Amino acid sequence: MLLGSLMHQLQDEAASFDALLSLGDILLIAEVEAARAPHDEQVGEYVAGAVKRFAIMAHDEDWLRLMTALENSDQPVAACLKAMLHWSIAHDTKVSMHPAAGCLRAGGDGGC
């Protein structure tokens, strides 16, 4: 599956929710649950949003890490989703701790 096709598929909330569950990663599911709660989002909604945020706001180094993870994985779809979710959870945590960090107008790196 091509990366663009995967990202397009994961923009659907139901597909994103199913993809997260298919990983079988209980810790990641718990992290997503904790990250989505303050935003009053459903799990699938958060996962779909995480993919979109990564696509829009990830830096070149983040993309390089993603591509390396894909190349080194026997399960590239799972590797892609995990990498994007971990990035998004870390980014969202940083933004919630420092709200101006997510705002371009305040000198941050996006997300107003």
N, C-alpha and C. Protein backbone atom coordinates (compact mmCIF):
# COMPACT_ATOMS: atom_id res chain seq x y z
N MET A 1 0.85 -1.17 0.00
CA MET A 1 0.00 0.00 0.00
C MET A 1 0.89 1.24 0.00
N LEU A 2 0.55 2.18 -0.82
CA LEU A 2 1.30 3.43 -0.88
C LEU A 2 0.98 4.31 0.32
N LEU A 3 1.93 5.12 0.73
CA LEU A 3 1.76 5.99 1.90
C LEU A 3 0.57 6.92 1.72
N GLY A 4 0.42 7.50 0.54
CA GLY A 4 -0.70 8.40 0.29
C GLY A 4 -2.04 7.70 0.43
N SER A 5 -2.13 6.47 -0.05
CA SER A 5 -3.37 5.69 0.07
C SER A 5 -3.67 5.39 1.53
N LEU A 6 -2.63 5.02 2.27
CA LEU A 6 -2.80 4.73 3.69
C LEU A 6 -3.29 5.97 4.44
N MET A 7 -2.66 7.10 4.19
CA MET A 7 -3.05 8.33 4.88
C MET A 7 -4.48 8.73 4.51
N HIS A 8 -4.85 8.54 3.27
CA HIS A 8 -6.22 8.85 2.84
C HIS A 8 -7.21 7.94 3.57
N GLN A 9 -6.90 6.65 3.66
CA GLN A 9 -7.77 5.70 4.34
C GLN A 9 -7.91 6.05 5.82
N LEU A 10 -6.83 6.48 6.45
CA LEU A 10 -6.86 6.77 7.88
C LEU A 10 -7.55 8.09 8.21
N GLN A 11 -7.95 8.85 7.21
CA GLN A 11 -8.72 10.07 7.48
C GLN A 11 -10.17 9.74 7.84
N ASP A 12 -10.58 8.51 7.55
CA ASP A 12 -11.91 8.05 7.93
C ASP A 12 -11.88 7.60 9.39
N GLU A 13 -12.77 8.13 10.22
CA GLU A 13 -12.74 7.85 11.65
C GLU A 13 -12.95 6.38 11.97
N ALA A 14 -13.87 5.73 11.27
CA ALA A 14 -14.13 4.31 11.54
C ALA A 14 -12.93 3.46 11.14
N ALA A 15 -12.34 3.75 9.99
CA ALA A 15 -11.16 3.01 9.54
C ALA A 15 -9.99 3.24 10.49
N SER A 16 -9.86 4.47 10.99
CA SER A 16 -8.78 4.79 11.93
C SER A 16 -8.95 4.03 13.24
N PHE A 17 -10.18 3.98 13.73
CA PHE A 17 -10.46 3.25 14.96
C PHE A 17 -10.13 1.77 14.78
N ASP A 18 -10.59 1.19 13.68
CA ASP A 18 -10.32 -0.22 13.40
C ASP A 18 -8.82 -0.48 13.27
N ALA A 19 -8.12 0.43 12.61
CA ALA A 19 -6.67 0.27 12.43
C ALA A 19 -5.96 0.30 13.78
N LEU A 20 -6.38 1.20 14.66
CA LEU A 20 -5.77 1.27 15.99
C LEU A 20 -5.99 -0.04 16.74
N LEU A 21 -7.22 -0.54 16.73
CA LEU A 21 -7.51 -1.78 17.44
C LEU A 21 -6.74 -2.96 16.85
N SER A 22 -6.55 -2.95 15.54
CA SER A 22 -5.85 -4.07 14.88
C SER A 22 -4.38 -4.14 15.28
N LEU A 23 -3.83 -3.04 15.80
CA LEU A 23 -2.44 -3.06 16.24
C LEU A 23 -2.25 -3.95 17.45
N GLY A 24 -3.30 -4.07 18.27
CA GLY A 24 -3.21 -4.89 19.47
C GLY A 24 -2.27 -4.31 20.51
N ASP A 25 -2.00 -3.04 20.44
CA ASP A 25 -1.08 -2.36 21.36
C ASP A 25 -1.90 -1.67 22.45
N ILE A 26 -2.08 -2.36 23.55
CA ILE A 26 -2.93 -1.85 24.64
C ILE A 26 -2.39 -0.53 25.19
N LEU A 27 -1.08 -0.41 25.32
CA LEU A 27 -0.50 0.83 25.84
C LEU A 27 -0.79 2.01 24.91
N LEU A 28 -0.67 1.79 23.60
CA LEU A 28 -0.94 2.86 22.65
C LEU A 28 -2.42 3.25 22.68
N ILE A 29 -3.29 2.26 22.80
CA ILE A 29 -4.72 2.55 22.89
C ILE A 29 -5.00 3.41 24.13
N ALA A 30 -4.36 3.08 25.25
CA ALA A 30 -4.54 3.87 26.47
C ALA A 30 -3.98 5.28 26.30
N GLU A 31 -2.85 5.42 25.61
CA GLU A 31 -2.29 6.75 25.36
C GLU A 31 -3.21 7.58 24.48
N VAL A 32 -3.79 6.94 23.46
CA VAL A 32 -4.74 7.65 22.59
C VAL A 32 -5.96 8.06 23.39
N GLU A 33 -6.45 7.17 24.24
CA GLU A 33 -7.61 7.49 25.08
C GLU A 33 -7.32 8.70 25.96
N ALA A 34 -6.15 8.73 26.57
CA ALA A 34 -5.79 9.86 27.43
C ALA A 34 -5.61 11.14 26.63
N ALA A 35 -5.06 11.03 25.43
CA ALA A 35 -4.81 12.22 24.60
C ALA A 35 -6.09 12.80 24.01
N ARG A 36 -7.05 11.95 23.71
CA ARG A 36 -8.27 12.43 23.06
C ARG A 36 -9.26 13.02 24.06
N ALA A 37 -9.23 12.58 25.29
CA ALA A 37 -10.23 12.99 26.29
C ALA A 37 -10.30 14.50 26.50
N PRO A 38 -9.18 15.22 26.65
CA PRO A 38 -9.28 16.67 26.87
C PRO A 38 -9.91 17.42 25.70
N HIS A 39 -9.89 16.81 24.52
CA HIS A 39 -10.44 17.46 23.33
C HIS A 39 -11.87 17.01 23.05
N ASP A 40 -12.39 16.12 23.91
CA ASP A 40 -13.74 15.59 23.77
C ASP A 40 -13.95 14.97 22.38
N GLU A 41 -12.95 14.21 21.93
CA GLU A 41 -13.01 13.53 20.64
C GLU A 41 -13.23 12.03 20.87
N GLN A 42 -13.83 11.39 19.89
CA GLN A 42 -13.91 9.94 19.88
C GLN A 42 -12.53 9.40 19.50
N VAL A 43 -12.28 8.14 19.81
CA VAL A 43 -10.97 7.56 19.53
C VAL A 43 -10.65 7.63 18.04
N GLY A 44 -11.59 7.22 17.19
CA GLY A 44 -11.36 7.26 15.75
C GLY A 44 -11.14 8.67 15.24
N GLU A 45 -11.84 9.61 15.84
CA GLU A 45 -11.68 11.02 15.46
C GLU A 45 -10.27 11.51 15.81
N TYR A 46 -9.78 11.12 17.00
CA TYR A 46 -8.43 11.52 17.39
C TYR A 46 -7.38 10.90 16.47
N VAL A 47 -7.54 9.62 16.15
CA VAL A 47 -6.58 8.94 15.29
C VAL A 47 -6.55 9.59 13.91
N ALA A 48 -7.72 9.85 13.34
CA ALA A 48 -7.79 10.50 12.03
C ALA A 48 -7.14 11.89 12.10
N GLY A 49 -7.41 12.62 13.18
CA GLY A 49 -6.81 13.93 13.36
C GLY A 49 -5.30 13.86 13.52
N ALA A 50 -4.83 12.81 14.19
CA ALA A 50 -3.38 12.63 14.38
C ALA A 50 -2.68 12.46 13.04
N VAL A 51 -3.29 11.70 12.15
CA VAL A 51 -2.71 11.50 10.82
C VAL A 51 -2.67 12.83 10.07
N LYS A 52 -3.75 13.59 10.16
CA LYS A 52 -3.80 14.90 9.49
C LYS A 52 -2.76 15.86 10.07
N ARG A 53 -2.65 15.88 11.41
CA ARG A 53 -1.68 16.78 12.05
C ARG A 53 -0.26 16.42 11.64
N PHE A 54 0.02 15.12 11.59
CA PHE A 54 1.36 14.70 11.18
C PHE A 54 1.62 15.17 9.75
N ALA A 55 0.67 14.96 8.87
CA ALA A 55 0.85 15.34 7.46
C ALA A 55 1.10 16.84 7.31
N ILE A 56 0.44 17.64 8.13
CA ILE A 56 0.53 19.09 8.01
C ILE A 56 1.73 19.67 8.77
N MET A 57 2.00 19.16 9.96
CA MET A 57 2.94 19.82 10.85
C MET A 57 4.28 19.12 11.08
N ALA A 58 4.40 17.86 10.67
CA ALA A 58 5.65 17.15 10.92
C ALA A 58 6.80 17.78 10.14
N HIS A 59 7.94 17.82 10.77
CA HIS A 59 9.15 18.38 10.15
C HIS A 59 9.84 17.31 9.30
N ASP A 60 10.81 17.72 8.54
CA ASP A 60 11.54 16.79 7.67
C ASP A 60 12.13 15.62 8.46
N GLU A 61 12.63 15.90 9.66
CA GLU A 61 13.22 14.84 10.48
C GLU A 61 12.17 13.81 10.88
N ASP A 62 10.95 14.29 11.15
CA ASP A 62 9.86 13.38 11.51
C ASP A 62 9.49 12.48 10.34
N TRP A 63 9.45 13.07 9.14
CA TRP A 63 9.16 12.29 7.94
C TRP A 63 10.27 11.27 7.68
N LEU A 64 11.50 11.67 7.91
CA LEU A 64 12.61 10.75 7.72
C LEU A 64 12.51 9.57 8.69
N ARG A 65 12.17 9.85 9.95
CA ARG A 65 11.97 8.78 10.93
C ARG A 65 10.85 7.85 10.49
N LEU A 66 9.77 8.44 9.97
CA LEU A 66 8.64 7.63 9.50
C LEU A 66 9.07 6.73 8.35
N MET A 67 9.75 7.29 7.37
CA MET A 67 10.17 6.51 6.21
C MET A 67 11.15 5.40 6.62
N THR A 68 12.02 5.68 7.57
CA THR A 68 12.95 4.67 8.07
C THR A 68 12.19 3.55 8.76
N ALA A 69 11.20 3.91 9.57
CA ALA A 69 10.38 2.91 10.25
C ALA A 69 9.65 2.03 9.24
N LEU A 70 9.14 2.64 8.17
CA LEU A 70 8.44 1.88 7.14
C LEU A 70 9.39 0.90 6.44
N GLU A 71 10.58 1.36 6.13
CA GLU A 71 11.56 0.51 5.44
C GLU A 71 12.01 -0.67 6.29
N ASN A 72 12.07 -0.46 7.60
CA ASN A 72 12.59 -1.49 8.50
C ASN A 72 11.51 -2.39 9.08
N SER A 73 10.28 -2.24 8.64
CA SER A 73 9.18 -2.97 9.24
C SER A 73 8.62 -4.04 8.30
N ASP A 74 8.24 -5.17 8.90
CA ASP A 74 7.52 -6.19 8.15
C ASP A 74 6.05 -5.82 8.01
N GLN A 75 5.61 -4.87 8.84
CA GLN A 75 4.21 -4.42 8.82
C GLN A 75 4.21 -2.90 8.68
N PRO A 76 4.40 -2.40 7.47
CA PRO A 76 4.53 -0.96 7.27
C PRO A 76 3.29 -0.16 7.66
N VAL A 77 2.10 -0.72 7.49
CA VAL A 77 0.89 0.00 7.86
C VAL A 77 0.87 0.24 9.37
N ALA A 78 1.17 -0.80 10.13
CA ALA A 78 1.22 -0.67 11.59
C ALA A 78 2.32 0.30 12.01
N ALA A 79 3.47 0.19 11.38
CA ALA A 79 4.59 1.09 11.71
C ALA A 79 4.23 2.54 11.44
N CYS A 80 3.55 2.78 10.33
CA CYS A 80 3.15 4.13 9.97
C CYS A 80 2.18 4.71 10.99
N LEU A 81 1.15 3.94 11.31
CA LEU A 81 0.15 4.43 12.25
C LEU A 81 0.77 4.66 13.63
N LYS A 82 1.58 3.74 14.09
CA LYS A 82 2.23 3.92 15.39
C LYS A 82 3.10 5.16 15.42
N ALA A 83 3.90 5.35 14.38
CA ALA A 83 4.79 6.51 14.34
C ALA A 83 4.00 7.82 14.35
N MET A 84 2.93 7.88 13.56
CA MET A 84 2.12 9.10 13.51
C MET A 84 1.41 9.35 14.82
N LEU A 85 0.92 8.30 15.46
CA LEU A 85 0.24 8.47 16.74
C LEU A 85 1.21 8.91 17.83
N HIS A 86 2.36 8.27 17.89
CA HIS A 86 3.35 8.67 18.91
C HIS A 86 3.77 10.12 18.71
N TRP A 87 3.98 10.51 17.46
CA TRP A 87 4.34 11.90 17.16
C TRP A 87 3.22 12.84 17.61
N SER A 88 1.99 12.51 17.25
CA SER A 88 0.87 13.38 17.56
C SER A 88 0.63 13.50 19.06
N ILE A 89 0.72 12.38 19.76
CA ILE A 89 0.53 12.41 21.22
C ILE A 89 1.60 13.29 21.86
N ALA A 90 2.85 13.13 21.44
CA ALA A 90 3.93 13.97 21.98
C ALA A 90 3.70 15.44 21.63
N HIS A 91 3.29 15.72 20.40
CA HIS A 91 3.03 17.09 19.97
C HIS A 91 1.87 17.68 20.76
N ASP A 92 0.78 16.92 20.90
CA ASP A 92 -0.40 17.42 21.61
C ASP A 92 -0.09 17.66 23.08
N THR A 93 0.75 16.81 23.67
CA THR A 93 1.14 17.00 25.07
C THR A 93 1.94 18.28 25.22
N LYS A 94 2.86 18.51 24.29
CA LYS A 94 3.68 19.73 24.33
C LYS A 94 2.79 20.96 24.18
N VAL A 95 1.84 20.91 23.28
CA VAL A 95 0.95 22.04 23.05
C VAL A 95 0.05 22.28 24.26
N SER A 96 -0.44 21.22 24.89
CA SER A 96 -1.31 21.41 26.05
C SER A 96 -0.55 21.98 27.25
N MET A 97 0.75 21.67 27.33
CA MET A 97 1.57 22.20 28.42
C MET A 97 2.00 23.64 28.14
N HIS A 98 2.15 23.98 26.86
CA HIS A 98 2.57 25.31 26.42
C HIS A 98 1.69 25.72 25.25
N PRO A 99 0.47 26.22 25.50
CA PRO A 99 -0.48 26.49 24.42
C PRO A 99 0.08 27.31 23.27
N ALA A 100 0.94 28.26 23.50
CA ALA A 100 1.47 29.07 22.41
C ALA A 100 2.37 28.27 21.48
N ALA A 101 2.88 27.11 21.94
CA ALA A 101 3.76 26.29 21.11
C ALA A 101 3.05 25.74 19.90
N GLY A 102 1.72 25.65 19.96
CA GLY A 102 0.99 25.10 18.83
C GLY A 102 0.47 26.14 17.89
N CYS A 103 0.76 27.39 18.12
CA CYS A 103 0.17 28.47 17.35
C CYS A 103 1.22 29.18 16.51
N LEU A 104 1.01 29.21 15.22
CA LEU A 104 1.95 29.91 14.34
C LEU A 104 2.03 31.39 14.68
N ARG A 105 0.90 31.98 15.02
CA ARG A 105 0.89 33.41 15.31
C ARG A 105 1.70 33.74 16.56
N ALA A 106 1.86 32.77 17.44
CA ALA A 106 2.63 33.02 18.67
C ALA A 106 4.06 32.50 18.54
N GLY A 107 4.47 32.19 17.32
CA GLY A 107 5.83 31.72 17.11
C GLY A 107 6.00 30.23 17.27
N GLY A 108 4.89 29.49 17.39
CA GLY A 108 4.97 28.04 17.52
C GLY A 108 5.08 27.37 16.16
N ASP A 109 4.74 26.08 16.13
CA ASP A 109 4.91 25.34 14.89
C ASP A 109 3.59 24.87 14.29
N GLY A 110 2.51 25.55 14.58
CA GLY A 110 1.24 25.22 13.93
C GLY A 110 0.17 24.82 14.92
N GLY A 111 -1.04 24.71 14.44
CA GLY A 111 -2.11 24.15 15.23
C GLY A 111 -3.04 25.11 15.94
N CYS A 112 -3.13 26.37 15.54
CA CYS A 112 -4.08 27.28 16.18
C CYS A 112 -5.49 26.92 15.82
